[in-house]
N, C-alpha and C. Protein backbone atom coordinates (compact mmCIF):
# COMPACT_ATOMS: atom_id res chain seq x y z
N MET A 1 3.15 -11.93 1.53
CA MET A 1 2.68 -10.73 2.19
C MET A 1 2.37 -11.06 3.65
N THR A 2 2.90 -10.26 4.57
CA THR A 2 2.66 -10.51 5.98
C THR A 2 1.52 -9.64 6.48
N GLU A 3 0.78 -10.20 7.40
CA GLU A 3 -0.35 -9.47 7.97
C GLU A 3 0.17 -8.49 9.02
N LYS A 4 -0.35 -7.29 9.02
CA LYS A 4 0.08 -6.27 9.96
C LYS A 4 -0.38 -6.63 11.38
N GLN A 5 0.54 -6.51 12.33
CA GLN A 5 0.24 -6.80 13.73
C GLN A 5 -0.67 -5.71 14.30
N PRO A 6 -1.61 -6.09 15.19
CA PRO A 6 -2.44 -5.06 15.82
C PRO A 6 -1.59 -4.16 16.72
N ASN A 7 -1.99 -2.93 16.84
CA ASN A 7 -1.26 -1.96 17.65
C ASN A 7 -1.65 -2.15 19.12
N PRO A 8 -0.73 -2.64 19.97
CA PRO A 8 -1.07 -2.90 21.38
C PRO A 8 -1.22 -1.63 22.22
N PHE A 9 -0.81 -0.48 21.69
CA PHE A 9 -0.89 0.78 22.44
C PHE A 9 -2.28 1.42 22.35
N LEU A 10 -3.08 1.04 21.35
CA LEU A 10 -4.37 1.70 21.12
C LEU A 10 -5.25 1.65 22.36
N GLY A 11 -5.97 2.74 22.57
CA GLY A 11 -6.94 2.81 23.66
C GLY A 11 -6.54 3.81 24.73
N ARG A 12 -7.32 3.79 25.77
CA ARG A 12 -7.15 4.74 26.89
C ARG A 12 -6.46 4.03 28.04
N TRP A 13 -5.44 4.68 28.59
CA TRP A 13 -4.67 4.15 29.71
C TRP A 13 -4.80 5.12 30.88
N LYS A 14 -5.14 4.63 32.05
CA LYS A 14 -5.25 5.44 33.28
C LYS A 14 -3.86 5.62 33.88
N ILE A 15 -3.44 6.86 34.06
CA ILE A 15 -2.15 7.14 34.69
C ILE A 15 -2.29 6.83 36.19
N THR A 16 -1.48 5.88 36.66
CA THR A 16 -1.56 5.43 38.05
C THR A 16 -0.40 5.90 38.92
N GLU A 17 0.64 6.41 38.27
CA GLU A 17 1.79 6.88 39.05
C GLU A 17 2.69 7.76 38.18
N MET A 18 3.22 8.82 38.78
CA MET A 18 4.22 9.68 38.16
C MET A 18 5.25 10.01 39.24
N ASP A 19 6.51 10.21 38.85
CA ASP A 19 7.51 10.47 39.89
C ASP A 19 7.57 11.92 40.34
N VAL A 20 7.11 12.86 39.53
CA VAL A 20 7.18 14.28 39.91
C VAL A 20 5.89 14.74 40.59
N TRP A 21 4.76 14.22 40.19
CA TRP A 21 3.47 14.66 40.74
C TRP A 21 2.79 13.50 41.45
N ASP A 22 2.15 13.80 42.59
CA ASP A 22 1.42 12.75 43.31
C ASP A 22 0.07 12.50 42.63
N GLN A 23 -0.58 11.41 43.03
CA GLN A 23 -1.82 11.00 42.36
C GLN A 23 -2.94 12.03 42.55
N GLU A 24 -2.94 12.74 43.66
CA GLU A 24 -3.94 13.79 43.87
C GLU A 24 -3.84 14.86 42.79
N TYR A 25 -2.61 15.26 42.44
CA TYR A 25 -2.43 16.23 41.37
C TYR A 25 -2.75 15.61 40.01
N VAL A 26 -2.30 14.39 39.77
CA VAL A 26 -2.55 13.71 38.49
C VAL A 26 -4.04 13.72 38.18
N ASP A 27 -4.89 13.48 39.19
CA ASP A 27 -6.34 13.39 39.02
C ASP A 27 -7.07 14.68 39.40
N LEU A 28 -6.37 15.80 39.47
CA LEU A 28 -6.93 17.07 39.95
C LEU A 28 -8.17 17.53 39.20
N VAL A 29 -8.10 17.63 37.88
CA VAL A 29 -9.22 18.14 37.06
C VAL A 29 -10.11 16.99 36.61
N ALA A 30 -9.49 15.88 36.23
CA ALA A 30 -10.18 14.66 35.79
C ALA A 30 -9.18 13.53 36.01
N PRO A 31 -9.64 12.28 36.03
CA PRO A 31 -8.67 11.20 36.17
C PRO A 31 -7.59 11.28 35.08
N GLY A 32 -6.32 11.24 35.49
CA GLY A 32 -5.22 11.34 34.54
C GLY A 32 -5.22 10.17 33.56
N PHE A 33 -4.95 10.46 32.28
CA PHE A 33 -4.96 9.41 31.27
C PHE A 33 -4.04 9.77 30.11
N ILE A 34 -3.72 8.75 29.32
CA ILE A 34 -3.10 8.93 28.02
C ILE A 34 -3.84 7.99 27.06
N LYS A 35 -4.13 8.48 25.88
CA LYS A 35 -4.93 7.72 24.91
C LYS A 35 -4.26 7.75 23.55
N PHE A 36 -4.19 6.58 22.91
CA PHE A 36 -3.61 6.46 21.57
C PHE A 36 -4.70 6.00 20.61
N ALA A 37 -4.80 6.65 19.44
CA ALA A 37 -5.82 6.34 18.45
C ALA A 37 -5.19 5.72 17.20
N LYS A 38 -6.04 5.15 16.33
CA LYS A 38 -5.57 4.46 15.13
C LYS A 38 -4.87 5.38 14.13
N ASP A 39 -5.14 6.63 14.14
CA ASP A 39 -4.63 7.56 13.14
C ASP A 39 -3.31 8.22 13.53
N ASN A 40 -2.53 7.58 14.42
CA ASN A 40 -1.27 8.11 14.94
C ASN A 40 -1.46 9.39 15.76
N LEU A 41 -2.66 9.59 16.24
CA LEU A 41 -2.95 10.72 17.10
C LEU A 41 -3.31 10.21 18.49
N GLY A 42 -3.48 11.12 19.42
CA GLY A 42 -3.89 10.76 20.76
C GLY A 42 -3.96 11.99 21.63
N GLU A 43 -4.11 11.77 22.92
CA GLU A 43 -4.16 12.88 23.85
C GLU A 43 -3.82 12.38 25.25
N PHE A 44 -3.49 13.32 26.13
CA PHE A 44 -3.29 12.99 27.54
C PHE A 44 -3.78 14.15 28.38
N ARG A 45 -4.02 13.83 29.65
CA ARG A 45 -4.37 14.87 30.61
C ARG A 45 -3.94 14.38 31.98
N PHE A 46 -3.29 15.25 32.71
CA PHE A 46 -3.03 15.03 34.13
C PHE A 46 -2.91 16.40 34.77
N GLY A 47 -3.44 16.53 35.97
CA GLY A 47 -3.42 17.82 36.65
C GLY A 47 -3.97 18.90 35.75
N THR A 48 -3.20 19.97 35.58
CA THR A 48 -3.62 21.08 34.71
C THR A 48 -2.85 21.07 33.39
N VAL A 49 -2.31 19.90 33.03
CA VAL A 49 -1.56 19.75 31.78
C VAL A 49 -2.40 18.90 30.83
N ARG A 50 -2.52 19.36 29.59
CA ARG A 50 -3.29 18.64 28.58
C ARG A 50 -2.54 18.73 27.26
N GLY A 51 -2.47 17.60 26.56
CA GLY A 51 -1.74 17.59 25.30
C GLY A 51 -2.39 16.73 24.25
N PHE A 52 -2.19 17.10 23.00
CA PHE A 52 -2.66 16.35 21.84
C PHE A 52 -1.43 15.78 21.15
N LEU A 53 -1.46 14.48 20.88
CA LEU A 53 -0.28 13.73 20.47
C LEU A 53 -0.19 13.48 18.97
N ASP A 54 1.03 13.43 18.49
CA ASP A 54 1.40 12.94 17.16
C ASP A 54 2.36 11.78 17.44
N CYS A 55 1.95 10.53 17.16
CA CYS A 55 2.65 9.33 17.62
C CYS A 55 3.24 8.50 16.49
N ARG A 56 4.29 7.77 16.82
CA ARG A 56 4.90 6.78 15.93
C ARG A 56 5.42 5.62 16.77
N ILE A 57 5.25 4.39 16.29
CA ILE A 57 5.81 3.23 16.95
C ILE A 57 7.19 2.98 16.37
N GLU A 58 8.17 2.81 17.25
CA GLU A 58 9.56 2.62 16.84
C GLU A 58 10.16 1.44 17.60
N ALA A 59 11.05 0.70 16.94
CA ALA A 59 11.81 -0.34 17.63
C ALA A 59 12.87 0.35 18.47
N TYR A 60 13.01 -0.10 19.71
CA TYR A 60 13.99 0.47 20.63
C TYR A 60 14.58 -0.69 21.43
N GLY A 61 15.78 -1.08 21.09
CA GLY A 61 16.37 -2.24 21.73
C GLY A 61 15.56 -3.48 21.40
N ASP A 62 15.16 -4.21 22.44
CA ASP A 62 14.38 -5.44 22.26
C ASP A 62 12.88 -5.21 22.30
N GLU A 63 12.43 -3.97 22.38
CA GLU A 63 10.99 -3.73 22.49
C GLU A 63 10.55 -2.66 21.50
N ASN A 64 9.25 -2.63 21.26
CA ASN A 64 8.65 -1.53 20.51
C ASN A 64 8.17 -0.51 21.52
N ARG A 65 8.32 0.74 21.17
CA ARG A 65 7.74 1.77 22.01
C ARG A 65 7.07 2.80 21.13
N ILE A 66 6.16 3.53 21.72
CA ILE A 66 5.46 4.58 21.00
C ILE A 66 6.10 5.90 21.41
N GLU A 67 6.53 6.66 20.44
CA GLU A 67 7.14 7.96 20.68
C GLU A 67 6.19 9.03 20.17
N PHE A 68 6.19 10.17 20.84
CA PHE A 68 5.22 11.20 20.46
C PHE A 68 5.76 12.60 20.75
N SER A 69 5.25 13.53 19.98
CA SER A 69 5.36 14.94 20.31
C SER A 69 3.97 15.38 20.73
N TRP A 70 3.88 16.48 21.46
CA TRP A 70 2.56 16.94 21.88
C TRP A 70 2.51 18.46 21.90
N ASP A 71 1.28 18.94 21.77
CA ASP A 71 0.99 20.37 21.79
C ASP A 71 -0.28 20.54 22.61
N GLY A 72 -0.33 21.53 23.49
CA GLY A 72 -1.52 21.72 24.31
C GLY A 72 -1.36 22.83 25.32
N GLU A 73 -1.64 22.51 26.60
CA GLU A 73 -1.63 23.51 27.66
C GLU A 73 -0.85 22.99 28.86
N ASN A 74 -0.12 23.88 29.50
CA ASN A 74 0.57 23.62 30.76
C ASN A 74 0.06 24.68 31.72
N ASP A 75 -0.81 24.30 32.62
CA ASP A 75 -1.59 25.24 33.43
C ASP A 75 -2.44 26.06 32.46
N SER A 76 -2.36 27.37 32.49
CA SER A 76 -3.16 28.16 31.55
C SER A 76 -2.31 28.69 30.39
N ASP A 77 -1.06 28.24 30.32
CA ASP A 77 -0.15 28.68 29.26
C ASP A 77 -0.06 27.63 28.16
N PRO A 78 0.29 28.05 26.95
CA PRO A 78 0.53 27.05 25.89
C PRO A 78 1.66 26.12 26.35
N GLY A 79 1.57 24.86 25.97
CA GLY A 79 2.59 23.90 26.33
C GLY A 79 2.85 22.94 25.19
N HIS A 80 4.04 22.38 25.16
CA HIS A 80 4.37 21.36 24.17
C HIS A 80 5.57 20.58 24.66
N GLY A 81 5.83 19.47 24.02
CA GLY A 81 6.95 18.64 24.43
C GLY A 81 6.97 17.33 23.66
N ARG A 82 7.50 16.31 24.32
CA ARG A 82 7.66 15.01 23.69
C ARG A 82 7.55 13.94 24.75
N GLY A 83 7.57 12.68 24.32
CA GLY A 83 7.54 11.59 25.27
C GLY A 83 7.60 10.25 24.56
N TRP A 84 7.58 9.20 25.35
CA TRP A 84 7.59 7.84 24.83
C TRP A 84 6.94 6.93 25.86
N ALA A 85 6.54 5.73 25.41
CA ALA A 85 5.99 4.72 26.31
C ALA A 85 6.22 3.34 25.72
N ALA A 86 6.32 2.35 26.61
CA ALA A 86 6.48 0.95 26.23
C ALA A 86 5.58 0.11 27.13
N ILE A 87 5.14 -1.03 26.62
CA ILE A 87 4.31 -1.95 27.39
C ILE A 87 5.22 -3.02 27.98
N ARG A 88 5.14 -3.16 29.30
CA ARG A 88 5.93 -4.16 30.03
C ARG A 88 5.02 -4.82 31.05
N GLY A 89 4.85 -6.13 30.92
CA GLY A 89 4.01 -6.85 31.87
C GLY A 89 2.57 -6.37 31.87
N GLY A 90 2.07 -5.95 30.72
CA GLY A 90 0.69 -5.50 30.60
C GLY A 90 0.45 -4.07 31.06
N GLN A 91 1.47 -3.38 31.55
CA GLN A 91 1.34 -1.99 31.96
C GLN A 91 2.13 -1.10 31.02
N LEU A 92 1.73 0.15 30.96
CA LEU A 92 2.41 1.14 30.13
C LEU A 92 3.38 1.93 31.00
N PHE A 93 4.64 1.96 30.60
CA PHE A 93 5.66 2.74 31.29
C PHE A 93 6.23 3.73 30.29
N GLY A 94 6.45 4.96 30.72
CA GLY A 94 6.99 5.93 29.78
C GLY A 94 7.55 7.16 30.47
N HIS A 95 7.86 8.14 29.65
CA HIS A 95 8.42 9.40 30.15
C HIS A 95 7.81 10.54 29.33
N LEU A 96 7.40 11.57 30.02
CA LEU A 96 6.78 12.74 29.40
C LEU A 96 7.65 13.96 29.69
N TYR A 97 7.93 14.74 28.64
CA TYR A 97 8.76 15.94 28.76
C TYR A 97 7.93 17.16 28.38
N ILE A 98 7.97 18.18 29.23
CA ILE A 98 7.35 19.47 28.94
C ILE A 98 8.49 20.40 28.53
N HIS A 99 8.42 20.94 27.32
CA HIS A 99 9.50 21.76 26.77
C HIS A 99 9.88 22.88 27.73
N MET A 100 11.18 22.93 28.07
CA MET A 100 11.76 23.96 28.94
C MET A 100 11.08 24.01 30.31
N CYS A 101 10.68 22.84 30.81
CA CYS A 101 9.98 22.77 32.09
C CYS A 101 10.26 21.40 32.71
N ASP A 102 9.28 20.83 33.38
CA ASP A 102 9.43 19.56 34.07
C ASP A 102 9.40 18.37 33.13
N ASP A 103 9.84 17.22 33.66
CA ASP A 103 9.65 15.95 32.98
C ASP A 103 9.43 14.89 34.05
N SER A 104 8.74 13.81 33.69
CA SER A 104 8.41 12.79 34.66
C SER A 104 8.20 11.44 33.98
N TRP A 105 8.61 10.36 34.65
CA TRP A 105 8.22 9.04 34.17
C TRP A 105 6.79 8.81 34.63
N PHE A 106 6.11 7.88 33.97
CA PHE A 106 4.75 7.56 34.38
C PHE A 106 4.48 6.08 34.18
N LYS A 107 3.47 5.61 34.90
CA LYS A 107 2.97 4.25 34.76
C LYS A 107 1.47 4.35 34.55
N ALA A 108 0.92 3.49 33.68
CA ALA A 108 -0.51 3.54 33.39
C ALA A 108 -1.05 2.13 33.16
N GLU A 109 -2.35 1.96 33.38
CA GLU A 109 -3.05 0.70 33.17
C GLU A 109 -4.15 0.89 32.14
N LYS A 110 -4.36 -0.11 31.30
CA LYS A 110 -5.38 -0.04 30.25
C LYS A 110 -6.76 0.01 30.87
N LYS A 111 -7.60 0.90 30.39
CA LYS A 111 -8.98 1.06 30.90
C LYS A 111 -9.97 0.89 29.78
């Protein structure tokens, strides 16, 4: 029997860069973040976008990445979409998609 590896994605990550939105917008309402919890759930917030995550870790090429769908708000309207993230060099890199709207890559640091 093999021991289960700890989940390296768990915890809160501060969003430090996005290609579509500048840092002022990312931190508009509160500091932008993405958080992964033990129960395959999580949440994110940047600017006026907020989402609650349903996550799964998947092998992708030579790395593991966390893939997620989300449901929440985009400005004051309902919003949903999908995304993924991978850890490279101790930082989180990923891509977030807003259904029928914008999408952006992001970089985050563990906090």
